[in-house]
Amino acid sequence: MTGVMDAAVAAAREAGATRLLGIKVSIGEANEAVEDALRFAFEALAEADPFTEGASLELTMVRPRSICLECGHEYEHDLYDRFCPACDSFATELIAGRELTIDSIEVDLLES
């Protein structure tokens, strides 16, 4: 979460913001990140800096999604069951669920 906060703060300051108000983040469940731990870390980091104090975090957890290399079927699954439900092949490729993306940031700007 430190990297997310650092990137968001840098982008906000580069845009001339006076304050970071919120961050929207998508994170894949295959990263095995714990949502409560991410929220706790964000809140601790946000409180440590007046620029980010009170900022909100909107998390979207992305379910793992794979494509079967045998039959082409795309499907969602849990972290451990990656067999294709259409043909039972284990020749699959993870196509979603490992990402970590800052989708947007909300800032307060100086008025001119």
PDB file of N, CA and C in Angstrom:
ATOM      1  N   MET A   1       0.823  -1.187   0.000  1.00  0.00           N
ATOM      2  CA  MET A   1       0.000   0.000   0.000  1.00  0.00           C
ATOM      3  C   MET A   1       0.874   1.260   0.000  1.00  0.00           C
ATOM      4  N   THR A   2       2.078   1.142   0.512  1.00  0.00           N
ATOM      5  CA  THR A   2       2.988   2.294   0.496  1.00  0.00           C
ATOM      6  C   THR A   2       3.263   2.749  -0.931  1.00  0.00           C
ATOM      7  N   GLY A   3       3.488   1.821  -1.836  1.00  0.00           N
ATOM      8  CA  GLY A   3       3.741   2.162  -3.244  1.00  0.00           C
ATOM      9  C   GLY A   3       2.537   2.823  -3.889  1.00  0.00           C
ATOM     10  N   VAL A   4       1.347   2.341  -3.575  1.00  0.00           N
ATOM     11  CA  VAL A   4       0.118   2.943  -4.107  1.00  0.00           C
ATOM     12  C   VAL A   4      -0.001   4.378  -3.607  1.00  0.00           C
ATOM     13  N   MET A   5       0.195   4.566  -2.311  1.00  0.00           N
ATOM     14  CA  MET A   5       0.092   5.906  -1.732  1.00  0.00           C
ATOM     15  C   MET A   5       1.144   6.839  -2.321  1.00  0.00           C
ATOM     16  N   ASP A   6       2.382   6.359  -2.439  1.00  0.00           N
ATOM     17  CA  ASP A   6       3.453   7.188  -3.009  1.00  0.00           C
ATOM     18  C   ASP A   6       3.132   7.613  -4.432  1.00  0.00           C
ATOM     19  N   ALA A   7       2.639   6.684  -5.252  1.00  0.00           N
ATOM     20  CA  ALA A   7       2.309   6.993  -6.647  1.00  0.00           C
ATOM     21  C   ALA A   7       1.150   7.989  -6.728  1.00  0.00           C
ATOM     22  N   ALA A   8       0.134   7.807  -5.895  1.00  0.00           N
ATOM     23  CA  ALA A   8      -1.017   8.704  -5.905  1.00  0.00           C
ATOM     24  C   ALA A   8      -0.631  10.106  -5.439  1.00  0.00           C
ATOM     25  N   VAL A   9       0.169  10.186  -4.396  1.00  0.00           N
ATOM     26  CA  VAL A   9       0.622  11.487  -3.895  1.00  0.00           C
ATOM     27  C   VAL A   9       1.472  12.198  -4.943  1.00  0.00           C
ATOM     28  N   ALA A  10       2.368  11.480  -5.587  1.00  0.00           N
ATOM     29  CA  ALA A  10       3.210  12.082  -6.622  1.00  0.00           C
ATOM     30  C   ALA A  10       2.355  12.622  -7.767  1.00  0.00           C
ATOM     31  N   ALA A  11       1.369  11.855  -8.214  1.00  0.00           N
ATOM     32  CA  ALA A  11       0.490  12.294  -9.305  1.00  0.00           C
ATOM     33  C   ALA A  11      -0.344  13.499  -8.882  1.00  0.00           C
ATOM     34  N   ALA A  12      -0.830  13.485  -7.649  1.00  0.00           N
ATOM     35  CA  ALA A  12      -1.639  14.591  -7.145  1.00  0.00           C
ATOM     36  C   ALA A  12      -0.822  15.874  -7.064  1.00  0.00           C
ATOM     37  N   ARG A  13       0.376  15.762  -6.545  1.00  0.00           N
ATOM     38  CA  ARG A  13       1.234  16.959  -6.432  1.00  0.00           C
ATOM     39  C   ARG A  13       1.641  17.476  -7.801  1.00  0.00           C
ATOM     40  N   GLU A  14       1.916  16.558  -8.719  1.00  0.00           N
ATOM     41  CA  GLU A  14       2.283  16.952 -10.089  1.00  0.00           C
ATOM     42  C   GLU A  14       1.126  17.696 -10.769  1.00  0.00           C
ATOM     43  N   ALA A  15      -0.098  17.357 -10.415  1.00  0.00           N
ATOM     44  CA  ALA A  15      -1.278  18.009 -10.984  1.00  0.00           C
ATOM     45  C   ALA A  15      -1.605  19.331 -10.284  1.00  0.00           C
ATOM     46  N   GLY A  16      -0.834  19.680  -9.258  1.00  0.00           N
ATOM     47  CA  GLY A  16      -1.057  20.932  -8.545  1.00  0.00           C
ATOM     48  C   GLY A  16      -2.086  20.839  -7.435  1.00  0.00           C
ATOM     49  N   ALA A  17      -2.350  19.651  -6.954  1.00  0.00           N
ATOM     50  CA  ALA A  17      -3.351  19.454  -5.897  1.00  0.00           C
ATOM     51  C   ALA A  17      -2.863  20.007  -4.567  1.00  0.00           C
ATOM     52  N   THR A  18      -3.816  20.453  -3.775  1.00  0.00           N
ATOM     53  CA  THR A  18      -3.505  20.901  -2.418  1.00  0.00           C
ATOM     54  C   THR A  18      -3.725  19.778  -1.423  1.00  0.00           C
ATOM     55  N   ARG A  19      -4.486  18.761  -1.861  1.00  0.00           N
ATOM     56  CA  ARG A  19      -4.800  17.643  -0.987  1.00  0.00           C
ATOM     57  C   ARG A  19      -5.264  16.444  -1.789  1.00  0.00           C
ATOM     58  N   LEU A  20      -4.922  15.252  -1.323  1.00  0.00           N
ATOM     59  CA  LEU A  20      -5.413  14.004  -1.897  1.00  0.00           C
ATOM     60  C   LEU A  20      -6.666  13.607  -1.118  1.00  0.00           C
ATOM     61  N   LEU A  21      -7.782  13.470  -1.813  1.00  0.00           N
ATOM     62  CA  LEU A  21      -9.051  13.174  -1.152  1.00  0.00           C
ATOM     63  C   LEU A  21      -9.417  11.692  -1.184  1.00  0.00           C
ATOM     64  N   GLY A  22      -9.004  10.995  -2.246  1.00  0.00           N
ATOM     65  CA  GLY A  22      -9.361   9.590  -2.334  1.00  0.00           C
ATOM     66  C   GLY A  22      -8.633   8.871  -3.453  1.00  0.00           C
ATOM     67  N   ILE A  23      -8.591   7.557  -3.334  1.00  0.00           N
ATOM     68  CA  ILE A  23      -7.949   6.693  -4.322  1.00  0.00           C
ATOM     69  C   ILE A  23      -8.876   5.517  -4.599  1.00  0.00           C
ATOM     70  N   LYS A  24      -9.014   5.174  -5.891  1.00  0.00           N
ATOM     71  CA  LYS A  24      -9.727   3.957  -6.284  1.00  0.00           C
ATOM     72  C   LYS A  24      -8.687   2.983  -6.818  1.00  0.00           C
ATOM     73  N   VAL A  25      -8.676   1.780  -6.252  1.00  0.00           N
ATOM     74  CA  VAL A  25      -7.664   0.773  -6.585  1.00  0.00           C
ATOM     75  C   VAL A  25      -8.341  -0.557  -6.911  1.00  0.00           C
ATOM     76  N   SER A  26      -7.839  -1.229  -7.953  1.00  0.00           N
ATOM     77  CA  SER A  26      -8.261  -2.602  -8.261  1.00  0.00           C
ATOM     78  C   SER A  26      -7.086  -3.515  -7.966  1.00  0.00           C
ATOM     79  N   ILE A  27      -7.357  -4.579  -7.231  1.00  0.00           N
ATOM     80  CA  ILE A  27      -6.292  -5.530  -6.902  1.00  0.00           C
ATOM     81  C   ILE A  27      -6.812  -6.950  -7.086  1.00  0.00           C
ATOM     82  N   GLY A  28      -6.002  -7.762  -7.727  1.00  0.00           N
ATOM     83  CA  GLY A  28      -6.380  -9.139  -7.993  1.00  0.00           C
ATOM     84  C   GLY A  28      -6.307 -10.006  -6.750  1.00  0.00           C
ATOM     85  N   GLU A  29      -7.297 -10.868  -6.594  1.00  0.00           N
ATOM     86  CA  GLU A  29      -7.324 -11.782  -5.456  1.00  0.00           C
ATOM     87  C   GLU A  29      -6.163 -12.767  -5.490  1.00  0.00           C
ATOM     88  N   ALA A  30      -5.597 -13.013  -6.677  1.00  0.00           N
ATOM     89  CA  ALA A  30      -4.469 -13.942  -6.786  1.00  0.00           C
ATOM     90  C   ALA A  30      -3.198 -13.364  -6.155  1.00  0.00           C
ATOM     91  N   ASN A  31      -3.200 -12.078  -5.837  1.00  0.00           N
ATOM     92  CA  ASN A  31      -2.079 -11.481  -5.104  1.00  0.00           C
ATOM     93  C   ASN A  31      -2.109 -11.895  -3.643  1.00  0.00           C
ATOM     94  N   GLU A  32      -3.214 -12.504  -3.241  1.00  0.00           N
ATOM     95  CA  GLU A  32      -3.442 -12.946  -1.873  1.00  0.00           C
ATOM     96  C   GLU A  32      -3.374 -11.803  -0.870  1.00  0.00           C
ATOM     97  N   ALA A  33      -3.769 -10.623  -1.340  1.00  0.00           N
ATOM     98  CA  ALA A  33      -3.833  -9.458  -0.464  1.00  0.00           C
ATOM     99  C   ALA A  33      -5.089  -9.557   0.387  1.00  0.00           C
ATOM    100  N   VAL A  34      -4.987  -9.167   1.622  1.00  0.00           N
ATOM    101  CA  VAL A  34      -6.115  -9.199   2.553  1.00  0.00           C
ATOM    102  C   VAL A  34      -6.732  -7.808   2.588  1.00  0.00           C
ATOM    103  N   GLU A  35      -7.996  -7.742   2.199  1.00  0.00           N
ATOM    104  CA  GLU A  35      -8.664  -6.446   2.067  1.00  0.00           C
ATOM    105  C   GLU A  35      -8.605  -5.620   3.351  1.00  0.00           C
ATOM    106  N   ASP A  36      -8.867  -6.233   4.499  1.00  0.00           N
ATOM    107  CA  ASP A  36      -8.826  -5.494   5.772  1.00  0.00           C
ATOM    108  C   ASP A  36      -7.426  -4.955   6.056  1.00  0.00           C
ATOM    109  N   ALA A  37      -6.406  -5.731   5.730  1.00  0.00           N
ATOM    110  CA  ALA A  37      -5.028  -5.285   5.949  1.00  0.00           C
ATOM    111  C   ALA A  37      -4.681  -4.118   5.034  1.00  0.00           C
ATOM    112  N   LEU A  38      -5.155  -4.168   3.788  1.00  0.00           N
ATOM    113  CA  LEU A  38      -4.925  -3.053   2.861  1.00  0.00           C
ATOM    114  C   LEU A  38      -5.586  -1.782   3.375  1.00  0.00           C
ATOM    115  N   ARG A  39      -6.808  -1.905   3.860  1.00  0.00           N
ATOM    116  CA  ARG A  39      -7.520  -0.730   4.391  1.00  0.00           C
ATOM    117  C   ARG A  39      -6.819  -0.163   5.634  1.00  0.00           C
ATOM    118  N   PHE A  40      -6.380  -1.060   6.508  1.00  0.00           N
ATOM    119  CA  PHE A  40      -5.673  -0.622   7.709  1.00  0.00           C
ATOM    120  C   PHE A  40      -4.383   0.118   7.344  1.00  0.00           C
ATOM    121  N   ALA A  41      -3.615  -0.442   6.412  1.00  0.00           N
ATOM    122  CA  ALA A  41      -2.361   0.192   5.987  1.00  0.00           C
ATOM    123  C   ALA A  41      -2.630   1.551   5.344  1.00  0.00           C
ATOM    124  N   PHE A  42      -3.660   1.617   4.506  1.00  0.00           N
ATOM    125  CA  PHE A  42      -4.004   2.884   3.864  1.00  0.00           C
ATOM    126  C   PHE A  42      -4.343   3.947   4.903  1.00  0.00           C
ATOM    127  N   GLU A  43      -5.189   3.591   5.857  1.00  0.00           N
ATOM    128  CA  GLU A  43      -5.592   4.554   6.887  1.00  0.00           C
ATOM    129  C   GLU A  43      -4.393   5.036   7.693  1.00  0.00           C
ATOM    130  N   ALA A  44      -3.492   4.126   8.035  1.00  0.00           N
ATOM    131  CA  ALA A  44      -2.290   4.514   8.792  1.00  0.00           C
ATOM    132  C   ALA A  44      -1.417   5.460   7.979  1.00  0.00           C
ATOM    133  N   LEU A  45      -1.243   5.150   6.708  1.00  0.00           N
ATOM    134  CA  LEU A  45      -0.424   6.013   5.848  1.00  0.00           C
ATOM    135  C   LEU A  45      -1.090   7.365   5.624  1.00  0.00           C
ATOM    136  N   ALA A  46      -2.407   7.367   5.426  1.00  0.00           N
ATOM    137  CA  ALA A  46      -3.121   8.619   5.171  1.00  0.00           C
ATOM    138  C   ALA A  46      -3.061   9.551   6.373  1.00  0.00           C
ATOM    139  N   GLU A  47      -3.162   8.996   7.566  1.00  0.00           N
ATOM    140  CA  GLU A  47      -3.135   9.820   8.777  1.00  0.00           C
ATOM    141  C   GLU A  47      -1.762  10.418   9.049  1.00  0.00           C
ATOM    142  N   ALA A  48      -0.721   9.841   8.473  1.00  0.00           N
ATOM    143  CA  ALA A  48       0.644  10.278   8.761  1.00  0.00           C
ATOM    144  C   ALA A  48       1.046  11.543   8.018  1.00  0.00           C
ATOM    145  N   ASP A  49       0.217  12.022   7.083  1.00  0.00           N
ATOM    146  CA  ASP A  49       0.594  13.169   6.250  1.00  0.00           C
ATOM    147  C   ASP A  49      -0.616  14.093   6.100  1.00  0.00           C
ATOM    148  N   PRO A  50      -0.464  15.379   6.413  1.00  0.00           N
ATOM    149  CA  PRO A  50      -1.585  16.313   6.255  1.00  0.00           C
ATOM    150  C   PRO A  50      -2.127  16.364   4.818  1.00  0.00           C
ATOM    151  N   PHE A  51      -1.303  16.087   3.830  1.00  0.00           N
ATOM    152  CA  PHE A  51      -1.717  16.095   2.421  1.00  0.00           C
ATOM    153  C   PHE A  51      -2.732  14.982   2.141  1.00  0.00           C
ATOM    154  N   THR A  52      -2.658  13.886   2.877  1.00  0.00           N
ATOM    155  CA  THR A  52      -3.521  12.726   2.630  1.00  0.00           C
ATOM    156  C   THR A  52      -4.499  12.446   3.773  1.00  0.00           C
ATOM    157  N   GLU A  53      -4.390  13.168   4.865  1.00  0.00           N
ATOM    158  CA  GLU A  53      -5.226  12.904   6.031  1.00  0.00           C
ATOM    159  C   GLU A  53      -6.706  12.956   5.659  1.00  0.00           C
ATOM    160  N   GLY A  54      -7.440  11.919   6.035  1.00  0.00           N
ATOM    161  CA  GLY A  54      -8.863  11.847   5.745  1.00  0.00           C
ATOM    162  C   GLY A  54      -9.197  11.301   4.365  1.00  0.00           C
ATOM    163  N   ALA A  55      -8.186  10.951   3.587  1.00  0.00           N
ATOM    164  CA  ALA A  55      -8.424  10.410   2.242  1.00  0.00           C
ATOM    165  C   ALA A  55      -9.173   9.078   2.336  1.00  0.00           C
ATOM    166  N   SER A  56      -9.964   8.813   1.319  1.00  0.00           N
ATOM    167  CA  SER A  56     -10.730   7.563   1.297  1.00  0.00           C
ATOM    168  C   SER A  56     -10.090   6.566   0.329  1.00  0.00           C
ATOM    169  N   LEU A  57     -10.368   5.311   0.555  1.00  0.00           N
ATOM    170  CA  LEU A  57      -9.876   4.241  -0.309  1.00  0.00           C
ATOM    171  C   LEU A  57     -11.063   3.427  -0.788  1.00  0.00           C
ATOM    172  N   GLU A  58     -11.200   3.295  -2.101  1.00  0.00           N
ATOM    173  CA  GLU A  58     -12.214   2.424  -2.681  1.00  0.00           C
ATOM    174  C   GLU A  58     -11.484   1.264  -3.335  1.00  0.00           C
ATOM    175  N   LEU A  59     -11.680   0.071  -2.783  1.00  0.00           N
ATOM    176  CA  LEU A  59     -11.005  -1.128  -3.282  1.00  0.00           C
ATOM    177  C   LEU A  59     -11.953  -1.985  -4.106  1.00  0.00           C
ATOM    178  N   THR A  60     -11.468  -2.443  -5.245  1.00  0.00           N
ATOM    179  CA  THR A  60     -12.191  -3.430  -6.035  1.00  0.00           C
ATOM    180  C   THR A  60     -11.306  -4.664  -6.101  1.00  0.00           C
ATOM    181  N   MET A  61     -11.824  -5.759  -5.557  1.00  0.00           N
ATOM    182  CA  MET A  61     -11.087  -7.017  -5.591  1.00  0.00           C
ATOM    183  C   MET A  61     -11.460  -7.750  -6.879  1.00  0.00           C
ATOM    184  N   VAL A  62     -10.446  -8.109  -7.681  1.00  0.00           N
ATOM    185  CA  VAL A  62     -10.662  -8.745  -8.978  1.00  0.00           C
ATOM    186  C   VAL A  62     -10.489 -10.255  -8.839  1.00  0.00           C
ATOM    187  N   ARG A  63     -11.530 -10.985  -9.184  1.00  0.00           N
ATOM    188  CA  ARG A  63     -11.491 -12.451  -9.090  1.00  0.00           C
ATOM    189  C   ARG A  63     -10.530 -13.013 -10.134  1.00  0.00           C
ATOM    190  N   PRO A  64      -9.864 -14.117  -9.816  1.00  0.00           N
ATOM    191  CA  PRO A  64      -9.009 -14.769 -10.812  1.00  0.00           C
ATOM    192  C   PRO A  64      -9.846 -15.235 -12.002  1.00  0.00           C
ATOM    193  N   ARG A  65      -9.291 -15.041 -13.186  1.00  0.00           N
ATOM    194  CA  ARG A  65      -9.944 -15.448 -14.434  1.00  0.00           C
ATOM    195  C   ARG A  65      -8.877 -16.058 -15.323  1.00  0.00           C
ATOM    196  N   SER A  66      -9.207 -17.194 -15.913  1.00  0.00           N
ATOM    197  CA  SER A  66      -8.252 -17.894 -16.769  1.00  0.00           C
ATOM    198  C   SER A  66      -8.886 -18.219 -18.112  1.00  0.00           C
ATOM    199  N   ILE A  67      -8.030 -18.560 -19.049  1.00  0.00           N
ATOM    200  CA  ILE A  67      -8.459 -19.056 -20.345  1.00  0.00           C
ATOM    201  C   ILE A  67      -7.834 -20.435 -20.532  1.00  0.00           C
ATOM    202  N   CYS A  68      -8.625 -21.356 -21.049  1.00  0.00           N
ATOM    203  CA  CYS A  68      -8.128 -22.702 -21.313  1.00  0.00           C
ATOM    204  C   CYS A  68      -7.356 -22.696 -22.627  1.00  0.00           C
ATOM    205  N   LEU A  69      -6.145 -23.202 -22.590  1.00  0.00           N
ATOM    206  CA  LEU A  69      -5.309 -23.246 -23.785  1.00  0.00           C
ATOM    207  C   LEU A  69      -5.694 -24.408 -24.700  1.00  0.00           C
ATOM    208  N   GLU A  70      -6.542 -25.297 -24.205  1.00  0.00           N
ATOM    209  CA  GLU A  70      -7.005 -26.435 -25.012  1.00  0.00           C
ATOM    210  C   GLU A  70      -8.273 -26.090 -25.791  1.00  0.00           C
ATOM    211  N   CYS A  71      -9.277 -25.535 -25.097  1.00  0.00           N
ATOM    212  CA  CYS A  71     -10.570 -25.313 -25.752  1.00  0.00           C
ATOM    213  C   CYS A  71     -10.952 -23.840 -25.891  1.00  0.00           C
ATOM    214  N   GLY A  72     -10.184 -22.923 -25.262  1.00  0.00           N
ATOM    215  CA  GLY A  72     -10.445 -21.491 -25.383  1.00  0.00           C
ATOM    216  C   GLY A  72     -11.491 -20.937 -24.431  1.00  0.00           C
ATOM    217  N   HIS A  73     -12.023 -21.755 -23.549  1.00  0.00           N
ATOM    218  CA  HIS A  73     -13.046 -21.305 -22.599  1.00  0.00           C
ATOM    219  C   HIS A  73     -12.428 -20.353 -21.568  1.00  0.00           C
ATOM    220  N   GLU A  74     -13.090 -19.216 -21.313  1.00  0.00           N
ATOM    221  CA  GLU A  74     -12.672 -18.283 -20.264  1.00  0.00           C
ATOM    222  C   GLU A  74     -13.589 -18.478 -19.065  1.00  0.00           C
ATOM    223  N   TYR A  75     -13.011 -18.447 -17.865  1.00  0.00           N
ATOM    224  CA  TYR A  75     -13.803 -18.716 -16.668  1.00  0.00           C
ATOM    225  C   TYR A  75     -13.155 -18.111 -15.438  1.00  0.00           C
ATOM    226  N   GLU A  76     -14.001 -17.770 -14.440  1.00  0.00           N
ATOM    227  CA  GLU A  76     -13.535 -17.333 -13.126  1.00  0.00           C
ATOM    228  C   GLU A  76     -13.339 -18.557 -12.254  1.00  0.00           C
ATOM    229  N   HIS A  77     -12.449 -18.418 -11.298  1.00  0.00           N
ATOM    230  CA  HIS A  77     -12.178 -19.543 -10.400  1.00  0.00           C
ATOM    231  C   HIS A  77     -11.610 -19.033  -9.095  1.00  0.00           C
ATOM    232  N   ASP A  78     -11.447 -19.925  -8.132  1.00  0.00           N
ATOM    233  CA  ASP A  78     -10.792 -19.529  -6.885  1.00  0.00           C
ATOM    234  C   ASP A  78      -9.273 -19.621  -7.098  1.00  0.00           C
ATOM    235  N   LEU A  79      -8.534 -19.408  -6.059  1.00  0.00           N
ATOM    236  CA  LEU A  79      -7.073 -19.387  -6.195  1.00  0.00           C
ATOM    237  C   LEU A  79      -6.463 -20.744  -6.507  1.00  0.00           C
ATOM    238  N   TYR A  80      -7.153 -21.808  -6.186  1.00  0.00           N
ATOM    239  CA  TYR A  80      -6.525 -23.121  -6.252  1.00  0.00           C
ATOM    240  C   TYR A  80      -7.110 -24.056  -7.313  1.00  0.00           C
ATOM    241  N   ASP A  81      -8.341 -23.810  -7.746  1.00  0.00           N
ATOM    242  CA  ASP A  81      -8.995 -24.703  -8.700  1.00  0.00           C
ATOM    243  C   ASP A  81      -8.942 -24.082 -10.087  1.00  0.00           C
ATOM    244  N   ARG A  82      -7.895 -24.390 -10.851  1.00  0.00           N
ATOM    245  CA  ARG A  82      -7.720 -23.772 -12.158  1.00  0.00           C
ATOM    246  C   ARG A  82      -8.021 -24.720 -13.312  1.00  0.00           C
ATOM    247  N   PHE A  83      -8.561 -25.896 -13.025  1.00  0.00           N
ATOM    248  CA  PHE A  83      -8.952 -26.799 -14.113  1.00  0.00           C
ATOM    249  C   PHE A  83     -10.094 -26.175 -14.907  1.00  0.00           C
ATOM    250  N   CYS A  84     -10.043 -26.297 -16.219  1.00  0.00           N
ATOM    251  CA  CYS A  84     -11.090 -25.768 -17.082  1.00  0.00           C
ATOM    252  C   CYS A  84     -12.405 -26.482 -16.790  1.00  0.00           C
ATOM    253  N   PRO A  85     -13.480 -25.739 -16.513  1.00  0.00           N
ATOM    254  CA  PRO A  85     -14.763 -26.387 -16.247  1.00  0.00           C
ATOM    255  C   PRO A  85     -15.408 -26.958 -17.514  1.00  0.00           C
ATOM    256  N   ALA A  86     -14.938 -26.542 -18.683  1.00  0.00           N
ATOM    257  CA  ALA A  86     -15.530 -27.027 -19.933  1.00  0.00           C
ATOM    258  C   ALA A  86     -14.921 -28.349 -20.396  1.00  0.00           C
ATOM    259  N   CYS A  87     -13.564 -28.473 -20.259  1.00  0.00           N
ATOM    260  CA  CYS A  87     -12.922 -29.695 -20.779  1.00  0.00           C
ATOM    261  C   CYS A  87     -12.026 -30.390 -19.758  1.00  0.00           C
ATOM    262  N   ASP A  88     -11.940 -29.834 -18.541  1.00  0.00           N
ATOM    263  CA  ASP A  88     -11.166 -30.411 -17.436  1.00  0.00           C
ATOM    264  C   ASP A  88      -9.657 -30.377 -17.649  1.00  0.00           C
ATOM    265  N   SER A  89      -9.187 -29.529 -18.569  1.00  0.00           N
ATOM    266  CA  SER A  89      -7.753 -29.401 -18.821  1.00  0.00           C
ATOM    267  C   SER A  89      -7.113 -28.516 -17.748  1.00  0.00           C
ATOM    268  N   PHE A  90      -5.856 -28.800 -17.438  1.00  0.00           N
ATOM    269  CA  PHE A  90      -5.094 -27.927 -16.542  1.00  0.00           C
ATOM    270  C   PHE A  90      -4.188 -26.997 -17.345  1.00  0.00           C
ATOM    271  N   ALA A  91      -4.244 -27.090 -18.681  1.00  0.00           N
ATOM    272  CA  ALA A  91      -3.460 -26.201 -19.555  1.00  0.00           C
ATOM    273  C   ALA A  91      -4.207 -24.878 -19.658  1.00  0.00           C
ATOM    274  N   THR A  92      -4.031 -24.054 -18.638  1.00  0.00           N
ATOM    275  CA  THR A  92      -4.748 -22.787 -18.560  1.00  0.00           C
ATOM    276  C   THR A  92      -3.773 -21.646 -18.335  1.00  0.00           C
ATOM    277  N   GLU A  93      -4.237 -20.443 -18.633  1.00  0.00           N
ATOM    278  CA  GLU A  93      -3.415 -19.251 -18.429  1.00  0.00           C
ATOM    279  C   GLU A  93      -4.231 -18.220 -17.658  1.00  0.00           C
ATOM    280  N   LEU A  94      -3.661 -17.698 -16.592  1.00  0.00           N
ATOM    281  CA  LEU A  94      -4.311 -16.678 -15.783  1.00  0.00           C
ATOM    282  C   LEU A  94      -4.322 -15.371 -16.577  1.00  0.00           C
ATOM    283  N   ILE A  95      -5.500 -14.791 -16.795  1.00  0.00           N
ATOM    284  CA  ILE A  95      -5.593 -13.549 -17.566  1.00  0.00           C
ATOM    285  C   ILE A  95      -6.076 -12.374 -16.718  1.00  0.00           C
ATOM    286  N   ALA A  96      -6.529 -12.642 -15.515  1.00  0.00           N
ATOM    287  CA  ALA A  96      -6.936 -11.578 -14.590  1.00  0.00           C
ATOM    288  C   ALA A  96      -6.831 -12.114 -13.174  1.00  0.00           C
ATOM    289  N   GLY A  97      -6.607 -11.188 -12.246  1.00  0.00           N
ATOM    290  CA  GLY A  97      -6.562 -11.586 -10.846  1.00  0.00           C
ATOM    291  C   GLY A  97      -5.223 -11.341 -10.178  1.00  0.00           C
ATOM    292  N   ARG A  98      -4.219 -10.881 -10.943  1.00  0.00           N
ATOM    293  CA  ARG A  98      -2.922 -10.563 -10.353  1.00  0.00           C
ATOM    294  C   ARG A  98      -2.611  -9.068 -10.449  1.00  0.00           C
ATOM    295  N   GLU A  99      -3.523  -8.298 -10.987  1.00  0.00           N
ATOM    296  CA  GLU A  99      -3.256  -6.884 -11.205  1.00  0.00           C
ATOM    297  C   GLU A  99      -3.294  -6.062  -9.913  1.00  0.00           C
ATOM    298  N   LEU A 100      -2.649  -4.942  -9.975  1.00  0.00           N
ATOM    299  CA  LEU A 100      -2.724  -3.907  -8.945  1.00  0.00           C
ATOM    300  C   LEU A 100      -2.713  -2.598  -9.711  1.00  0.00           C
ATOM    301  N   THR A 101      -3.872  -1.945  -9.767  1.00  0.00           N
ATOM    302  CA  THR A 101      -4.039  -0.764 -10.604  1.00  0.00           C
ATOM    303  C   THR A 101      -4.639   0.373  -9.801  1.00  0.00           C
ATOM    304  N   ILE A 102      -4.054   1.553  -9.931  1.00  0.00           N
ATOM    305  CA  ILE A 102      -4.695   2.747  -9.400  1.00  0.00           C
ATOM    306  C   ILE A 102      -5.634   3.211 -10.498  1.00  0.00           C
ATOM    307  N   ASP A 103      -6.936   3.075 -10.273  1.00  0.00           N
ATOM    308  CA  ASP A 103      -7.928   3.415 -11.284  1.00  0.00           C
ATOM    309  C   ASP A 103      -8.152   4.926 -11.384  1.00  0.00           C
ATOM    310  N   SER A 104      -8.143   5.591 -10.237  1.00  0.00           N
ATOM    311  CA  SER A 104      -8.310   7.039 -10.236  1.00  0.00           C
ATOM    312  C   SER A 104      -7.922   7.598  -8.885  1.00  0.00           C
ATOM    313  N   ILE A 105      -7.668   8.886  -8.896  1.00  0.00           N
ATOM    314  CA  ILE A 105      -7.441   9.621  -7.647  1.00  0.00           C
ATOM    315  C   ILE A 105      -8.338  10.842  -7.647  1.00  0.00           C
ATOM    316  N   GLU A 106      -8.769  11.231  -6.476  1.00  0.00           N
ATOM    317  CA  GLU A 106      -9.565  12.434  -6.313  1.00  0.00           C
ATOM    318  C   GLU A 106      -8.738  13.428  -5.507  1.00  0.00           C
ATOM    319  N   VAL A 107      -8.657  14.666  -6.005  1.00  0.00           N
ATOM    320  CA  VAL A 107      -7.810  15.666  -5.372  1.00  0.00           C
ATOM    321  C   VAL A 107      -8.577  16.965  -5.177  1.00  0.00           C
ATOM    322  N   ASP A 108      -8.017  17.808  -4.344  1.00  0.00           N
ATOM    323  CA  ASP A 108      -8.500  19.164  -4.154  1.00  0.00           C
ATOM    324  C   ASP A 108      -7.465  20.062  -4.828  1.00  0.00           C
ATOM    325  N   LEU A 109      -7.913  20.919  -5.732  1.00  0.00           N
ATOM    326  CA  LEU A 109      -6.998  21.799  -6.469  1.00  0.00           C
ATOM    327  C   LEU A 109      -7.118  23.225  -5.988  1.00  0.00           C
ATOM    328  N   LEU A 110      -6.030  23.990  -6.139  1.00  0.00           N
ATOM    329  CA  LEU A 110      -6.046  25.422  -5.867  1.00  0.00           C
ATOM    330  C   LEU A 110      -6.917  26.104  -6.915  1.00  0.00           C
ATOM    331  N   GLU A 111      -7.723  27.025  -6.481  1.00  0.00           N
ATOM    332  CA  GLU A 111      -8.509  27.795  -7.440  1.00  0.00           C
ATOM    333  C   GLU A 111      -7.696  29.000  -7.876  1.00  0.00           C
ATOM    334  N   SER A 112      -7.742  29.316  -9.188  1.00  0.00           N
ATOM    335  CA  SER A 112      -6.983  30.453  -9.709  1.00  0.00           C
ATOM    336  C   SER A 112      -7.855  31.673  -9.804  1.00  0.00           C
TER     337      SER A 112
END
